[in-house]
Amino acid sequence: MRLPRLSKLELQIMDALWSRGASSVREIQEAFPEKGRPAYTTVQTMVYRLETKNAIRRVKKIGNAHIFEAVVSRSSAQRRLIDELLAFFGGSSQPVVAHLIESGNLTLDDVKEAEQVLLKLKSGRSGKSGKSGKVSS
């Protein structure tokens, strides 16, 4: 299934569902900070749009309230956002990494951890017969 593109408000609604679990529209709306909280009808409209995009689904009805849960996982949505960000930079991660370093959001510990992951990925690929479809350097 192709992951849907999600707006900022849709991502905030998804975050409420990821954090709280299955929730009604009212519960989702109340998860927003009181200052700047969108109107109930705005949240309701966005929830229905998310349902149409197959990002969430109705799981039950209690009284007049429908209960919704996330279908798309947080990690899948994060991967989609990162892929879109990298596409904006022509597929190059260098400008993103440079900004993270300059802004202080990437530490030496982060770099060391990333290096360990890269080494693990490289050693995993070298042990395979090359059927992964990826070219190793």
N, C-alpha and C. Protein backbone atom coordinates (compact mmCIF):
# COMPACT_ATOMS: atom_id res chain seq x y z
N MET A 1 0.84 -1.18 0.00
CA MET A 1 0.00 0.00 0.00
C MET A 1 0.88 1.25 0.00
N ARG A 2 0.59 2.17 -0.89
CA ARG A 2 1.32 3.43 -0.97
C ARG A 2 0.91 4.31 0.19
N LEU A 3 1.90 4.89 0.84
CA LEU A 3 1.63 5.77 1.98
C LEU A 3 1.09 7.10 1.48
N PRO A 4 0.05 7.61 2.12
CA PRO A 4 -0.51 8.89 1.68
C PRO A 4 0.38 10.05 2.10
N ARG A 5 0.32 11.13 1.34
CA ARG A 5 1.00 12.37 1.73
C ARG A 5 0.11 13.04 2.77
N LEU A 6 0.71 13.46 3.89
CA LEU A 6 -0.06 14.02 4.98
C LEU A 6 0.33 15.47 5.24
N SER A 7 -0.68 16.32 5.46
CA SER A 7 -0.44 17.73 5.78
C SER A 7 0.02 17.84 7.24
N LYS A 8 0.42 19.05 7.62
CA LYS A 8 0.88 19.27 9.00
C LYS A 8 -0.23 18.94 10.00
N LEU A 9 -1.45 19.41 9.75
CA LEU A 9 -2.56 19.13 10.67
C LEU A 9 -2.89 17.64 10.69
N GLU A 10 -2.84 17.00 9.53
CA GLU A 10 -3.08 15.56 9.49
C GLU A 10 -2.03 14.80 10.31
N LEU A 11 -0.78 15.25 10.23
CA LEU A 11 0.28 14.62 11.02
C LEU A 11 0.05 14.83 12.51
N GLN A 12 -0.45 15.99 12.88
CA GLN A 12 -0.75 16.26 14.30
C GLN A 12 -1.88 15.35 14.78
N ILE A 13 -2.86 15.12 13.94
CA ILE A 13 -3.96 14.21 14.29
C ILE A 13 -3.43 12.78 14.39
N MET A 14 -2.58 12.39 13.45
CA MET A 14 -1.97 11.07 13.51
C MET A 14 -1.15 10.92 14.79
N ASP A 15 -0.42 11.97 15.16
CA ASP A 15 0.39 11.93 16.38
C ASP A 15 -0.49 11.68 17.60
N ALA A 16 -1.66 12.31 17.63
CA ALA A 16 -2.60 12.08 18.74
C ALA A 16 -3.03 10.62 18.78
N LEU A 17 -3.29 10.03 17.62
CA LEU A 17 -3.70 8.62 17.56
C LEU A 17 -2.54 7.69 17.91
N TRP A 18 -1.34 8.01 17.45
CA TRP A 18 -0.18 7.18 17.80
C TRP A 18 0.09 7.23 19.30
N SER A 19 -0.08 8.41 19.89
CA SER A 19 0.22 8.58 21.32
C SER A 19 -0.88 8.01 22.22
N ARG A 20 -2.13 8.27 21.86
CA ARG A 20 -3.26 7.91 22.72
C ARG A 20 -3.92 6.60 22.36
N GLY A 21 -3.68 6.11 21.16
CA GLY A 21 -4.39 4.93 20.69
C GLY A 21 -5.74 5.32 20.12
N ALA A 22 -6.61 4.35 19.95
CA ALA A 22 -7.93 4.59 19.35
C ALA A 22 -8.66 5.68 20.10
N SER A 23 -9.22 6.65 19.34
CA SER A 23 -9.83 7.83 19.95
C SER A 23 -10.99 8.33 19.11
N SER A 24 -11.87 9.06 19.76
CA SER A 24 -12.96 9.75 19.06
C SER A 24 -12.44 11.09 18.54
N VAL A 25 -13.23 11.73 17.68
CA VAL A 25 -12.86 13.05 17.16
C VAL A 25 -12.67 14.02 18.32
N ARG A 26 -13.56 13.99 19.30
CA ARG A 26 -13.46 14.89 20.46
C ARG A 26 -12.16 14.64 21.23
N GLU A 27 -11.81 13.39 21.43
CA GLU A 27 -10.57 13.06 22.15
C GLU A 27 -9.34 13.53 21.37
N ILE A 28 -9.40 13.39 20.05
CA ILE A 28 -8.30 13.86 19.21
C ILE A 28 -8.19 15.37 19.33
N GLN A 29 -9.30 16.06 19.24
CA GLN A 29 -9.30 17.52 19.33
C GLN A 29 -8.76 17.97 20.68
N GLU A 30 -9.13 17.28 21.75
CA GLU A 30 -8.67 17.66 23.08
C GLU A 30 -7.20 17.33 23.32
N ALA A 31 -6.59 16.55 22.44
CA ALA A 31 -5.16 16.25 22.55
C ALA A 31 -4.31 17.44 22.12
N PHE A 32 -4.90 18.38 21.39
CA PHE A 32 -4.18 19.58 20.96
C PHE A 32 -4.05 20.54 22.14
N PRO A 33 -2.95 21.32 22.17
CA PRO A 33 -2.84 22.33 23.23
C PRO A 33 -4.01 23.30 23.15
N GLU A 34 -4.48 23.74 24.31
CA GLU A 34 -5.66 24.60 24.36
C GLU A 34 -5.47 25.85 23.52
N LYS A 35 -4.28 26.43 23.60
CA LYS A 35 -4.00 27.62 22.79
C LYS A 35 -3.74 27.17 21.35
N GLY A 36 -4.52 27.67 20.43
CA GLY A 36 -4.36 27.31 19.03
C GLY A 36 -5.05 26.01 18.64
N ARG A 37 -5.89 25.48 19.53
CA ARG A 37 -6.60 24.22 19.25
C ARG A 37 -7.57 24.42 18.09
N PRO A 38 -7.51 23.54 17.09
CA PRO A 38 -8.47 23.66 15.97
C PRO A 38 -9.89 23.34 16.44
N ALA A 39 -10.86 23.89 15.73
CA ALA A 39 -12.26 23.65 16.06
C ALA A 39 -12.60 22.17 15.88
N TYR A 40 -13.60 21.72 16.60
CA TYR A 40 -14.06 20.34 16.52
C TYR A 40 -14.36 19.96 15.08
N THR A 41 -15.07 20.84 14.36
CA THR A 41 -15.46 20.52 12.97
C THR A 41 -14.25 20.44 12.05
N THR A 42 -13.21 21.22 12.33
CA THR A 42 -11.98 21.15 11.54
C THR A 42 -11.32 19.79 11.73
N VAL A 43 -11.20 19.37 12.99
CA VAL A 43 -10.61 18.07 13.29
C VAL A 43 -11.46 16.97 12.67
N GLN A 44 -12.77 17.08 12.77
CA GLN A 44 -13.67 16.08 12.20
C GLN A 44 -13.46 15.96 10.69
N THR A 45 -13.37 17.08 10.00
CA THR A 45 -13.14 17.07 8.55
C THR A 45 -11.81 16.40 8.22
N MET A 46 -10.77 16.74 8.97
CA MET A 46 -9.46 16.16 8.71
C MET A 46 -9.44 14.66 9.01
N VAL A 47 -10.15 14.25 10.05
CA VAL A 47 -10.24 12.82 10.38
C VAL A 47 -10.91 12.07 9.23
N TYR A 48 -11.99 12.63 8.69
CA TYR A 48 -12.66 11.98 7.56
C TYR A 48 -11.75 11.93 6.33
N ARG A 49 -10.94 12.97 6.11
CA ARG A 49 -10.00 12.96 4.99
C ARG A 49 -8.94 11.88 5.20
N LEU A 50 -8.46 11.76 6.44
CA LEU A 50 -7.48 10.72 6.75
C LEU A 50 -8.07 9.33 6.54
N GLU A 51 -9.35 9.19 6.85
CA GLU A 51 -10.03 7.91 6.63
C GLU A 51 -10.10 7.61 5.13
N THR A 52 -10.40 8.62 4.32
CA THR A 52 -10.46 8.46 2.87
C THR A 52 -9.09 8.09 2.31
N LYS A 53 -8.02 8.62 2.91
CA LYS A 53 -6.66 8.32 2.48
C LYS A 53 -6.17 6.97 3.02
N ASN A 54 -7.02 6.28 3.77
CA ASN A 54 -6.67 5.00 4.38
C ASN A 54 -5.51 5.10 5.37
N ALA A 55 -5.37 6.26 6.00
CA ALA A 55 -4.34 6.44 7.03
C ALA A 55 -4.89 6.05 8.41
N ILE A 56 -6.22 6.15 8.55
CA ILE A 56 -6.90 5.74 9.79
C ILE A 56 -8.15 4.96 9.42
N ARG A 57 -8.74 4.29 10.41
CA ARG A 57 -9.99 3.57 10.16
C ARG A 57 -10.87 3.64 11.40
N ARG A 58 -12.17 3.50 11.15
CA ARG A 58 -13.14 3.42 12.26
C ARG A 58 -13.08 2.01 12.82
N VAL A 59 -12.99 1.93 14.15
CA VAL A 59 -12.92 0.60 14.75
C VAL A 59 -14.18 0.24 15.52
N LYS A 60 -14.91 1.26 15.98
CA LYS A 60 -16.19 0.99 16.64
C LYS A 60 -16.96 2.28 16.81
N LYS A 61 -18.18 2.15 17.28
CA LYS A 61 -19.03 3.30 17.53
C LYS A 61 -19.57 3.19 18.95
N ILE A 62 -19.39 4.25 19.70
CA ILE A 62 -19.92 4.31 21.06
C ILE A 62 -20.92 5.46 21.10
N GLY A 63 -22.19 5.13 21.22
CA GLY A 63 -23.22 6.17 21.13
C GLY A 63 -23.19 6.76 19.73
N ASN A 64 -23.03 8.07 19.66
CA ASN A 64 -22.92 8.73 18.36
C ASN A 64 -21.47 8.93 17.93
N ALA A 65 -20.52 8.57 18.77
CA ALA A 65 -19.10 8.82 18.49
C ALA A 65 -18.44 7.63 17.82
N HIS A 66 -17.78 7.91 16.71
CA HIS A 66 -16.97 6.89 16.05
C HIS A 66 -15.58 6.92 16.68
N ILE A 67 -14.99 5.75 16.84
CA ILE A 67 -13.64 5.62 17.39
C ILE A 67 -12.72 5.25 16.22
N PHE A 68 -11.62 5.99 16.11
CA PHE A 68 -10.67 5.81 15.01
C PHE A 68 -9.33 5.34 15.55
N GLU A 69 -8.61 4.59 14.70
CA GLU A 69 -7.25 4.20 15.04
C GLU A 69 -6.37 4.39 13.81
N ALA A 70 -5.08 4.56 14.07
CA ALA A 70 -4.12 4.74 12.98
C ALA A 70 -3.91 3.42 12.23
N VAL A 71 -3.85 3.50 10.92
CA VAL A 71 -3.50 2.36 10.08
C VAL A 71 -2.03 2.49 9.69
N VAL A 72 -1.62 3.72 9.41
CA VAL A 72 -0.24 4.01 9.04
C VAL A 72 0.57 4.14 10.33
N SER A 73 1.71 3.48 10.38
CA SER A 73 2.55 3.56 11.58
C SER A 73 3.34 4.87 11.60
N ARG A 74 3.76 5.26 12.79
CA ARG A 74 4.57 6.46 12.95
C ARG A 74 5.87 6.33 12.13
N SER A 75 6.52 5.17 12.19
CA SER A 75 7.79 5.00 11.48
C SER A 75 7.59 5.08 9.96
N SER A 76 6.49 4.56 9.46
CA SER A 76 6.21 4.65 8.01
C SER A 76 6.01 6.10 7.59
N ALA A 77 5.29 6.86 8.40
CA ALA A 77 5.05 8.27 8.09
C ALA A 77 6.36 9.06 8.17
N GLN A 78 7.20 8.74 9.15
CA GLN A 78 8.49 9.41 9.27
C GLN A 78 9.37 9.12 8.06
N ARG A 79 9.40 7.85 7.64
CA ARG A 79 10.20 7.48 6.45
C ARG A 79 9.71 8.24 5.22
N ARG A 80 8.40 8.35 5.07
CA ARG A 80 7.84 9.07 3.92
C ARG A 80 8.27 10.53 3.94
N LEU A 81 8.21 11.16 5.11
CA LEU A 81 8.62 12.56 5.22
C LEU A 81 10.10 12.74 4.90
N ILE A 82 10.92 11.85 5.41
CA ILE A 82 12.36 11.95 5.15
C ILE A 82 12.65 11.74 3.67
N ASP A 83 11.97 10.78 3.04
CA ASP A 83 12.14 10.55 1.61
C ASP A 83 11.75 11.80 0.80
N GLU A 84 10.65 12.46 1.21
CA GLU A 84 10.22 13.68 0.53
C GLU A 84 11.23 14.80 0.72
N LEU A 85 11.78 14.90 1.94
CA LEU A 85 12.78 15.93 2.22
C LEU A 85 14.02 15.70 1.37
N LEU A 86 14.49 14.47 1.31
CA LEU A 86 15.67 14.16 0.50
C LEU A 86 15.40 14.41 -0.99
N ALA A 87 14.20 14.10 -1.45
CA ALA A 87 13.84 14.36 -2.85
C ALA A 87 13.92 15.86 -3.16
N PHE A 88 13.56 16.68 -2.18
CA PHE A 88 13.62 18.14 -2.34
C PHE A 88 15.07 18.59 -2.58
N PHE A 89 16.03 17.85 -1.99
CA PHE A 89 17.45 18.16 -2.16
C PHE A 89 18.09 17.28 -3.24
N GLY A 90 17.28 16.78 -4.15
CA GLY A 90 17.80 15.98 -5.26
C GLY A 90 18.35 14.63 -4.83
N GLY A 91 17.88 14.14 -3.68
CA GLY A 91 18.31 12.84 -3.19
C GLY A 91 19.58 12.89 -2.35
N SER A 92 20.18 14.07 -2.22
CA SER A 92 21.42 14.20 -1.46
C SER A 92 21.13 14.51 0.00
N SER A 93 21.72 13.72 0.88
CA SER A 93 21.52 13.96 2.31
C SER A 93 22.50 14.99 2.86
N GLN A 94 23.52 15.34 2.09
CA GLN A 94 24.57 16.25 2.57
C GLN A 94 24.03 17.59 3.07
N PRO A 95 23.13 18.29 2.34
CA PRO A 95 22.63 19.57 2.84
C PRO A 95 21.85 19.41 4.16
N VAL A 96 21.15 18.31 4.29
CA VAL A 96 20.38 18.06 5.51
C VAL A 96 21.32 17.81 6.68
N VAL A 97 22.32 16.96 6.46
CA VAL A 97 23.29 16.65 7.51
C VAL A 97 24.05 17.92 7.89
N ALA A 98 24.46 18.72 6.90
CA ALA A 98 25.19 19.96 7.18
C ALA A 98 24.34 20.88 8.05
N HIS A 99 23.06 21.01 7.74
CA HIS A 99 22.18 21.86 8.56
C HIS A 99 22.05 21.31 9.97
N LEU A 100 21.88 19.99 10.10
CA LEU A 100 21.76 19.39 11.43
C LEU A 100 23.01 19.65 12.27
N ILE A 101 24.18 19.59 11.65
CA ILE A 101 25.43 19.85 12.37
C ILE A 101 25.51 21.32 12.77
N GLU A 102 25.24 22.21 11.81
CA GLU A 102 25.33 23.65 12.07
C GLU A 102 24.34 24.12 13.12
N SER A 103 23.18 23.48 13.17
CA SER A 103 22.15 23.89 14.14
C SER A 103 22.34 23.22 15.50
N GLY A 104 23.32 22.33 15.60
CA GLY A 104 23.57 21.65 16.86
C GLY A 104 22.64 20.48 17.13
N ASN A 105 21.90 20.05 16.12
CA ASN A 105 20.96 18.94 16.29
C ASN A 105 21.56 17.58 15.95
N LEU A 106 22.83 17.58 15.53
CA LEU A 106 23.52 16.32 15.25
C LEU A 106 24.81 16.33 16.06
N THR A 107 24.91 15.39 16.98
CA THR A 107 26.07 15.34 17.87
C THR A 107 27.07 14.30 17.38
N LEU A 108 28.23 14.33 17.97
CA LEU A 108 29.25 13.33 17.65
C LEU A 108 28.76 11.93 17.99
N ASP A 109 28.00 11.80 19.07
CA ASP A 109 27.42 10.50 19.43
C ASP A 109 26.45 10.02 18.34
N ASP A 110 25.67 10.94 17.77
CA ASP A 110 24.75 10.58 16.68
C ASP A 110 25.54 10.06 15.48
N VAL A 111 26.65 10.73 15.18
CA VAL A 111 27.47 10.33 14.04
C VAL A 111 28.08 8.95 14.28
N LYS A 112 28.55 8.71 15.50
CA LYS A 112 29.13 7.41 15.83
C LYS A 112 28.08 6.31 15.72
N GLU A 113 26.87 6.60 16.19
CA GLU A 113 25.78 5.61 16.10
C GLU A 113 25.44 5.34 14.63
N ALA A 114 25.39 6.39 13.81
CA ALA A 114 25.10 6.22 12.39
C ALA A 114 26.20 5.40 11.72
N GLU A 115 27.44 5.62 12.13
CA GLU A 115 28.55 4.87 11.57
C GLU A 115 28.40 3.38 11.89
N GLN A 116 27.98 3.05 13.10
CA GLN A 116 27.78 1.66 13.48
C GLN A 116 26.68 1.01 12.63
N VAL A 117 25.61 1.75 12.40
CA VAL A 117 24.51 1.23 11.57
C VAL A 117 25.00 0.99 10.15
N LEU A 118 25.77 1.95 9.61
CA LEU A 118 26.31 1.79 8.25
C LEU A 118 27.23 0.58 8.15
N LEU A 119 28.07 0.39 9.15
CA LEU A 119 28.97 -0.76 9.15
C LEU A 119 28.19 -2.07 9.20
N LYS A 120 27.14 -2.09 10.03
CA LYS A 120 26.30 -3.28 10.14
C LYS A 120 25.60 -3.57 8.81
N LEU A 121 25.09 -2.52 8.16
CA LEU A 121 24.44 -2.69 6.85
C LEU A 121 25.43 -3.20 5.80
N LYS A 122 26.63 -2.63 5.82
CA LYS A 122 27.65 -3.04 4.85
C LYS A 122 28.04 -4.50 5.04
N SER A 123 28.23 -4.91 6.30
CA SER A 123 28.61 -6.31 6.54
C SER A 123 27.47 -7.25 6.21
N GLY A 124 26.23 -6.82 6.37
CA GLY A 124 25.08 -7.65 6.01
C GLY A 124 24.96 -7.84 4.52
N ARG A 125 25.30 -6.81 3.77
CA ARG A 125 25.23 -6.90 2.30
C ARG A 125 26.34 -7.76 1.74
N SER A 126 27.54 -7.67 2.32
CA SER A 126 28.66 -8.42 1.77
C SER A 126 28.48 -9.93 1.95
N GLY A 127 27.64 -10.33 2.90
CA GLY A 127 27.40 -11.74 3.14
C GLY A 127 26.31 -12.31 2.26
N LYS A 128 25.63 -11.46 1.47
CA LYS A 128 24.54 -11.93 0.60
C LYS A 128 25.06 -12.17 -0.81
N SER A 129 24.22 -12.82 -1.59
CA SER A 129 24.64 -13.19 -2.95
C SER A 129 24.38 -12.10 -3.96
N GLY A 130 24.07 -10.87 -3.52
CA GLY A 130 23.88 -9.77 -4.46
C GLY A 130 22.49 -9.72 -5.05
N LYS A 131 21.51 -10.43 -4.48
CA LYS A 131 20.16 -10.47 -5.05
C LYS A 131 19.27 -9.33 -4.52
N SER A 132 19.83 -8.44 -3.69
CA SER A 132 19.02 -7.40 -3.09
C SER A 132 18.63 -6.32 -4.09
N GLY A 133 19.33 -6.25 -5.22
CA GLY A 133 19.00 -5.25 -6.22
C GLY A 133 19.72 -3.93 -5.96
N LYS A 134 20.47 -3.84 -4.85
CA LYS A 134 21.19 -2.61 -4.55
C LYS A 134 22.65 -2.82 -4.91
N VAL A 135 23.23 -1.74 -5.37
CA VAL A 135 24.64 -1.78 -5.73
C VAL A 135 25.45 -1.38 -4.51
N SER A 136 26.41 -2.19 -4.13
CA SER A 136 27.24 -1.82 -2.99
C SER A 136 28.53 -1.21 -3.51
N SER A 137 29.11 -0.29 -2.70
CA SER A 137 30.32 0.38 -3.12
C SER A 137 31.57 -0.25 -2.58
